[in-house]
Amino acid sequence: MPALTVSRLDPAAVLELLKPITWFPPMWALACGVVSSGFDGSIDRLPLVVVGVLLAGPLVCGTSQAVNDWFDRHVDAINEPNRPIPSGRIPGQMGLVIAIVWTILSLAVSTFLGLWGFVATCVGLALAWAYSMPPVRLKKNGWFGNAAVGACYEGLPWFTGALVMSSALPSTQVLAMAALYSIGAHGIMTLNDFKSIDGDRQLGIRSLPVQLGPDRAARLACIVMALPQFFVVLLLVHWDHMISAALIGLVLLAQIGLMSILVRDPRGRAPWYNATGISLYVTGMMIAAVAIRPELGVLS
C-alpha cells in the first residue's frame, strides 16, 4: 500500500471504525466467566484477566467491527454515510487491511491464554468473518446472523473466561448461564437491526425487522430476551441460590416494564431500550456469575 495512504490515515477514524462502545458486552461477559470460575484475585492470574479483556474487547470485537464495516460499506452508504469507510475518511482498501491486521494481532495475543484461549479466539474470529463476508455472510438472514453475534458477544467470552481461569472444563452451571445469556443476546441484536431497516431492505439483507416488520420483530426480540432470563431464575432456585434468583427476577420485571414501552414505537424506542433495558440485562449476568462461583458465592 502506498506510504502516502498510511500517513494520511486518521487515527480517530480508525478508532471509530473499531467502535469502542461495542467492546463492553464481550468484555463484561468475559468478566462474568472469570467471576463464575471462582477466581480469587490472585496476582499471578491477573495477567490472564488483562489479556482476556484485551482480546474480548479491543481486539476480537474490534476486528468484527472492522470486518463488518468493510463488507457493509455499500449498506452504510445508504444508512450511515458518515461512517469512516463510506465517508472516505478511511480510504481505498484500508478498511480491509485494518480488519486483516487486527485478526492477525488477535491470534498472536491469544497465544498467551494457552491452547484453549487460542482455540476460542479462532472460533470468535471465524464467526466474525462469516457474519459479514460473502459468500457465507450470516447477517443476510437475521436468524443465523444474530445467533452468531450472540454467541460471540456473550456465550463464547463467558466460556473462555471461566475456562482460562480455572484450567478445567467449566461446570454445568457455568455452561448453562453462558448458553442462556447467549440466546437472550439474539433479541438484543434484533433491536440493533432497527437502525438499518431501509438500507437492509434495499440491499436484500433479511434482518428480522425486514422479514417480520418492526412490530413483530420487536415483540419477538422481547420474548427472546426475557425467556432465557426466566430460565436463569428457575435454575438458580433449583440450585438453591434464592437471593440471586429474586434479584434477577426483579431485574427481569423491570425489563418487562421497559419492553411494554418499547413495543409501542419499536423504531423510535430501540436506541432508548438499548441504553436502559440492556443495562439491566447485563446486571443480571453478573448477579448470576457471582451466585454460581464455586465455594465463594456471596449471594445465595
Protein backbone atom coordinates (compact mmCIF):
# COMPACT_ATOMS: atom_id res chain seq x y z
CA MET A 1 0.00 0.00 0.00
CA PRO A 2 1.35 3.49 -0.71
CA ALA A 3 3.12 5.14 2.20
CA LEU A 4 1.14 8.27 1.47
CA THR A 5 -2.13 6.45 2.16
CA VAL A 6 -0.90 5.27 5.56
CA SER A 7 0.44 8.69 6.51
CA ARG A 8 -2.89 10.31 5.73
CA LEU A 9 -4.88 7.75 7.74
CA ASP A 10 -6.75 9.47 10.56
CA PRO A 11 -6.27 7.64 13.91
CA ALA A 12 -9.63 8.98 15.09
CA ALA A 13 -11.30 7.40 12.06
CA VAL A 14 -9.60 4.06 12.80
CA LEU A 15 -10.81 4.17 16.40
CA GLU A 16 -14.31 4.99 15.17
CA LEU A 17 -14.10 2.00 12.81
CA LEU A 18 -13.26 -0.30 15.72
CA LYS A 19 -16.25 1.10 17.68
CA PRO A 20 -15.11 1.10 21.34
CA ILE A 21 -18.73 1.37 22.51
CA THR A 22 -19.32 -2.19 21.24
CA TRP A 23 -16.42 -3.66 23.23
CA PHE A 24 -18.27 -3.60 26.54
CA PRO A 25 -20.61 -6.62 26.07
CA PRO A 26 -17.91 -9.23 25.34
CA MET A 27 -15.57 -7.72 27.95
CA TRP A 28 -18.37 -7.88 30.52
CA ALA A 29 -19.22 -11.45 29.52
CA LEU A 30 -15.59 -12.47 29.90
CA ALA A 31 -15.57 -10.83 33.35
CA CYS A 32 -18.66 -12.89 34.21
CA GLY A 33 -16.78 -16.00 33.14
CA VAL A 34 -13.80 -15.05 35.30
CA VAL A 35 -16.05 -14.43 38.31
CA SER A 36 -18.05 -17.63 37.80
CA SER A 37 -14.82 -19.65 37.67
CA GLY A 38 -14.12 -18.81 41.31
CA PHE A 39 -11.17 -16.51 40.57
CA ASP A 40 -9.95 -15.14 43.90
CA GLY A 41 -7.99 -12.15 42.59
CA SER A 42 -4.58 -13.78 42.96
CA ILE A 43 -1.82 -11.66 41.46
CA ASP A 44 -0.29 -14.48 39.42
CA ARG A 45 -3.53 -14.91 37.42
CA LEU A 46 -4.26 -11.22 36.88
CA PRO A 47 -2.21 -11.01 33.64
CA LEU A 48 -4.52 -13.63 32.14
CA VAL A 49 -7.53 -11.48 33.03
CA VAL A 50 -5.93 -8.43 31.41
CA VAL A 51 -5.09 -10.34 28.23
CA GLY A 52 -8.57 -11.86 28.13
CA VAL A 53 -10.28 -8.49 28.44
CA LEU A 54 -7.99 -7.01 25.79
CA LEU A 55 -8.82 -9.87 23.45
CA ALA A 56 -12.57 -9.83 24.04
CA GLY A 57 -12.95 -6.10 23.51
CA PRO A 58 -10.41 -4.07 21.51
CA LEU A 59 -9.04 -7.00 19.51
CA VAL A 60 -11.66 -9.63 18.62
CA CYS A 61 -14.68 -7.35 18.90
CA GLY A 62 -12.73 -4.56 17.21
CA THR A 63 -11.88 -6.95 14.39
CA SER A 64 -15.54 -7.89 13.96
CA GLN A 65 -16.48 -4.23 13.67
CA ALA A 66 -13.81 -3.53 11.04
CA VAL A 67 -14.81 -6.62 9.06
CA ASN A 68 -18.48 -5.71 9.24
CA ASP A 69 -17.95 -2.12 8.17
CA TRP A 70 -15.80 -3.15 5.23
CA PHE A 71 -18.31 -5.64 3.82
CA ASP A 72 -21.21 -3.34 4.76
CA ARG A 73 -19.77 -0.25 3.13
CA HIS A 74 -22.50 -0.21 0.44
CA VAL A 75 -25.26 -0.58 3.04
CA ASP A 76 -23.68 2.11 5.20
CA ALA A 77 -23.52 4.46 2.21
CA ILE A 78 -27.35 4.42 2.41
CA ASN A 79 -27.96 4.11 6.16
CA GLU A 80 -24.98 5.91 7.71
CA PRO A 81 -22.88 7.65 5.03
CA ASN A 82 -20.80 9.48 7.65
CA ARG A 83 -19.13 6.27 8.85
CA PRO A 84 -15.34 6.14 8.26
CA ILE A 85 -15.34 3.93 5.16
CA PRO A 86 -18.26 5.31 3.09
CA SER A 87 -17.28 8.87 4.02
CA GLY A 88 -13.76 8.30 2.67
CA ARG A 89 -12.03 9.06 5.98
CA ILE A 90 -10.60 5.55 5.71
CA PRO A 91 -9.65 5.49 2.02
CA GLY A 92 -9.33 2.76 -0.57
CA GLN A 93 -8.93 -0.74 0.83
CA MET A 94 -7.52 0.38 4.15
CA GLY A 95 -10.66 -0.83 5.93
CA LEU A 96 -9.94 -4.39 4.75
CA VAL A 97 -6.25 -4.03 5.64
CA ILE A 98 -7.15 -2.96 9.18
CA ALA A 99 -9.50 -5.94 9.54
CA ILE A 100 -6.77 -8.37 8.45
CA VAL A 101 -4.09 -6.80 10.65
CA TRP A 102 -6.42 -6.83 13.67
CA THR A 103 -7.23 -10.51 13.01
CA ILE A 104 -3.54 -11.45 12.99
CA LEU A 105 -2.88 -9.37 16.11
CA SER A 106 -5.79 -11.05 17.91
CA LEU A 107 -4.44 -14.51 17.08
CA ALA A 108 -0.95 -13.55 18.28
CA VAL A 109 -2.18 -12.15 21.61
CA SER A 110 -4.47 -15.16 22.19
CA THR A 111 -1.46 -17.48 22.43
CA PHE A 112 -0.79 -16.01 25.88
CA LEU A 113 -4.00 -17.69 27.06
CA GLY A 114 -2.82 -21.17 26.16
CA LEU A 115 -4.31 -23.67 23.72
CA TRP A 116 -7.94 -23.22 24.70
CA GLY A 117 -7.71 -19.45 24.67
CA PHE A 118 -6.24 -19.63 21.17
CA VAL A 119 -8.98 -22.04 20.02
CA ALA A 120 -11.72 -19.82 21.45
CA THR A 121 -10.22 -16.80 19.68
CA CYS A 122 -10.13 -18.73 16.39
CA VAL A 123 -13.81 -19.58 16.79
CA GLY A 124 -14.73 -15.98 17.57
CA LEU A 125 -12.76 -14.62 14.61
CA ALA A 126 -14.19 -17.23 12.25
CA LEU A 127 -17.72 -16.23 13.26
CA ALA A 128 -16.83 -12.54 12.89
CA TRP A 129 -15.71 -13.04 9.29
CA ALA A 130 -18.53 -15.47 8.47
CA TYR A 131 -21.07 -12.96 9.76
CA SER A 132 -20.09 -10.30 7.25
CA MET A 133 -18.05 -11.79 4.41
CA PRO A 134 -19.60 -13.24 1.24
CA PRO A 135 -20.48 -15.88 0.28
CA VAL A 136 -21.37 -17.02 3.82
CA ARG A 137 -22.49 -13.61 5.13
CA LEU A 138 -24.60 -14.89 8.01
CA LYS A 139 -26.06 -11.43 8.54
CA LYS A 140 -28.06 -11.79 5.33
CA ASN A 141 -30.52 -13.75 7.47
CA GLY A 142 -31.32 -12.34 10.90
CA TRP A 143 -31.99 -15.76 12.42
CA PHE A 144 -28.45 -17.01 11.76
CA GLY A 145 -26.56 -13.74 11.98
CA ASN A 146 -28.00 -12.76 15.35
CA ALA A 147 -27.24 -16.22 16.73
CA ALA A 148 -23.58 -15.87 15.68
CA VAL A 149 -23.25 -12.44 17.27
CA GLY A 150 -25.00 -13.55 20.45
CA ALA A 151 -22.53 -16.42 20.78
CA CYS A 152 -19.53 -14.14 20.18
CA TYR A 153 -20.73 -11.36 22.48
CA GLU A 154 -21.96 -13.36 25.46
CA GLY A 155 -21.51 -17.14 25.43
CA LEU A 156 -18.02 -17.54 24.00
CA PRO A 157 -16.36 -14.84 26.17
CA TRP A 158 -18.10 -16.18 29.30
CA PHE A 159 -16.98 -19.73 28.49
CA THR A 160 -13.44 -18.55 27.67
CA GLY A 161 -13.08 -16.53 30.87
CA ALA A 162 -14.17 -19.48 33.00
CA LEU A 163 -12.04 -21.98 31.09
CA VAL A 164 -8.82 -19.97 31.10
CA MET A 165 -9.06 -19.01 34.76
CA SER A 166 -9.93 -22.47 36.08
CA SER A 167 -7.74 -24.50 33.66
CA ALA A 168 -10.54 -27.07 33.58
CA LEU A 169 -13.78 -27.61 31.70
CA PRO A 170 -16.37 -25.16 33.12
CA SER A 171 -19.12 -26.57 35.30
CA THR A 172 -22.62 -27.35 34.10
CA GLN A 173 -23.83 -24.21 35.88
CA VAL A 174 -21.35 -22.01 34.01
CA LEU A 175 -22.25 -23.60 30.67
CA ALA A 176 -25.96 -23.14 31.35
CA MET A 177 -25.61 -19.46 32.23
CA ALA A 178 -23.36 -18.75 29.23
CA ALA A 179 -25.79 -20.50 26.87
CA LEU A 180 -28.92 -18.81 28.22
CA TYR A 181 -27.49 -15.30 28.12
CA SER A 182 -26.20 -16.02 24.60
CA ILE A 183 -29.72 -16.89 23.49
CA GLY A 184 -31.04 -13.70 25.05
CA ALA A 185 -28.46 -11.69 23.11
CA HIS A 186 -30.19 -12.81 19.90
CA GLY A 187 -33.02 -10.46 20.87
CA ILE A 188 -30.59 -7.65 21.63
CA MET A 189 -29.15 -7.95 18.12
CA THR A 190 -32.62 -7.82 16.63
CA LEU A 191 -33.15 -4.44 18.29
CA ASN A 192 -29.79 -3.30 16.95
CA ASP A 193 -31.02 -4.01 13.41
CA PHE A 194 -33.80 -1.43 13.63
CA LYS A 195 -31.41 1.38 12.77
CA SER A 196 -30.66 -0.07 9.32
CA ILE A 197 -34.04 -1.31 8.10
CA ASP A 198 -34.15 0.90 5.00
CA GLY A 199 -30.70 0.03 3.70
CA ASP A 200 -31.08 -3.66 4.58
CA ARG A 201 -34.34 -3.83 2.65
CA GLN A 202 -32.82 -2.18 -0.43
CA LEU A 203 -29.78 -4.46 -0.49
CA GLY A 204 -31.51 -7.74 0.32
CA ILE A 205 -30.30 -8.22 3.89
CA ARG A 206 -33.09 -10.13 5.60
CA SER A 207 -32.74 -8.87 9.16
CA LEU A 208 -35.65 -9.79 11.40
CA PRO A 209 -37.13 -6.27 11.31
CA VAL A 210 -37.12 -6.59 7.49
CA GLN A 211 -38.54 -10.12 7.50
CA LEU A 212 -41.18 -9.66 10.20
CA GLY A 213 -41.80 -5.93 10.20
CA PRO A 214 -40.88 -3.64 13.12
CA ASP A 215 -43.81 -4.53 15.40
CA ARG A 216 -43.50 -8.31 15.19
CA ALA A 217 -39.70 -8.19 15.33
CA ALA A 218 -39.80 -6.06 18.48
CA ARG A 219 -42.20 -8.45 20.20
CA LEU A 220 -40.07 -11.42 19.21
CA ALA A 221 -36.93 -9.67 20.50
CA CYS A 222 -38.60 -9.05 23.85
CA ILE A 223 -39.62 -12.70 24.16
CA VAL A 224 -36.15 -13.92 23.17
CA MET A 225 -34.52 -11.62 25.74
CA ALA A 226 -36.93 -12.38 28.56
CA LEU A 227 -37.43 -16.13 28.30
CA PRO A 228 -33.80 -17.18 28.91
CA GLN A 229 -33.69 -14.92 31.97
CA PHE A 230 -36.81 -16.64 33.27
CA PHE A 231 -34.99 -19.97 32.97
CA VAL A 232 -31.96 -18.45 34.72
CA VAL A 233 -34.21 -17.63 37.66
CA LEU A 234 -35.63 -21.18 37.68
CA LEU A 235 -32.17 -22.73 37.60
CA LEU A 236 -30.91 -20.53 40.42
CA VAL A 237 -33.92 -21.55 42.52
CA HIS A 238 -33.16 -25.19 41.68
CA TRP A 239 -29.55 -24.69 42.77
CA ASP A 240 -30.74 -23.03 45.98
CA HIS A 241 -29.45 -19.54 45.16
CA MET A 242 -32.65 -17.90 46.33
CA ILE A 243 -31.41 -14.32 46.83
CA SER A 244 -29.78 -14.26 43.40
CA ALA A 245 -32.92 -15.70 41.82
CA ALA A 246 -35.01 -12.99 43.46
CA LEU A 247 -32.67 -10.21 42.33
CA ILE A 248 -32.61 -11.41 38.73
CA GLY A 249 -36.39 -11.79 38.88
CA LEU A 250 -36.67 -8.13 39.86
CA VAL A 251 -34.25 -7.15 37.09
CA LEU A 252 -36.38 -9.11 34.62
CA LEU A 253 -39.60 -7.47 35.81
CA ALA A 254 -38.03 -4.05 35.31
CA GLN A 255 -37.05 -5.04 31.77
CA ILE A 256 -40.58 -6.23 31.02
CA GLY A 257 -41.88 -2.83 32.12
CA LEU A 258 -39.47 -1.14 29.69
CA MET A 259 -40.40 -3.61 26.96
CA SER A 260 -44.03 -2.56 27.23
CA ILE A 261 -42.90 0.95 26.27
CA LEU A 262 -40.57 -0.30 23.53
CA VAL A 263 -43.25 -2.19 21.59
CA ARG A 264 -45.40 0.94 21.24
CA ASP A 265 -42.77 2.52 18.97
CA PRO A 266 -40.07 -0.03 18.11
CA ARG A 267 -38.13 2.03 15.58
CA GLY A 268 -38.12 5.14 17.73
CA ARG A 269 -37.54 3.41 21.06
CA ALA A 270 -34.93 0.76 20.12
CA PRO A 271 -31.93 3.02 20.91
CA TRP A 272 -33.57 4.05 24.20
CA TYR A 273 -34.12 0.42 25.18
CA ASN A 274 -30.53 -0.46 24.29
CA ALA A 275 -29.40 2.18 26.80
CA THR A 276 -31.79 1.12 29.57
CA GLY A 277 -33.06 -2.43 29.27
CA ILE A 278 -29.73 -3.86 28.17
CA SER A 279 -28.06 -2.33 31.23
CA LEU A 280 -30.45 -4.34 33.38
CA TYR A 281 -29.79 -7.45 31.29
CA VAL A 282 -26.03 -7.34 31.86
CA THR A 283 -26.55 -6.58 35.55
CA GLY A 284 -28.40 -9.88 35.81
CA MET A 285 -25.48 -11.62 34.12
CA MET A 286 -23.07 -10.58 36.85
CA ILE A 287 -25.53 -11.47 39.62
CA ALA A 288 -25.75 -14.97 38.12
CA ALA A 289 -21.95 -15.21 37.79
CA VAL A 290 -21.42 -14.30 41.46
CA ALA A 291 -24.09 -16.75 42.55
CA ILE A 292 -22.59 -19.80 40.84
CA ARG A 293 -18.92 -19.22 41.58
CA PRO A 294 -17.68 -22.33 43.41
CA GLU A 295 -17.27 -22.21 47.16
CA LEU A 296 -17.08 -18.43 47.19
CA GLY A 297 -20.66 -17.46 46.30
CA VAL A 298 -21.60 -14.21 48.01
CA LEU A 299 -25.26 -14.38 47.08
CA SER A 300 -27.35 -17.41 47.93
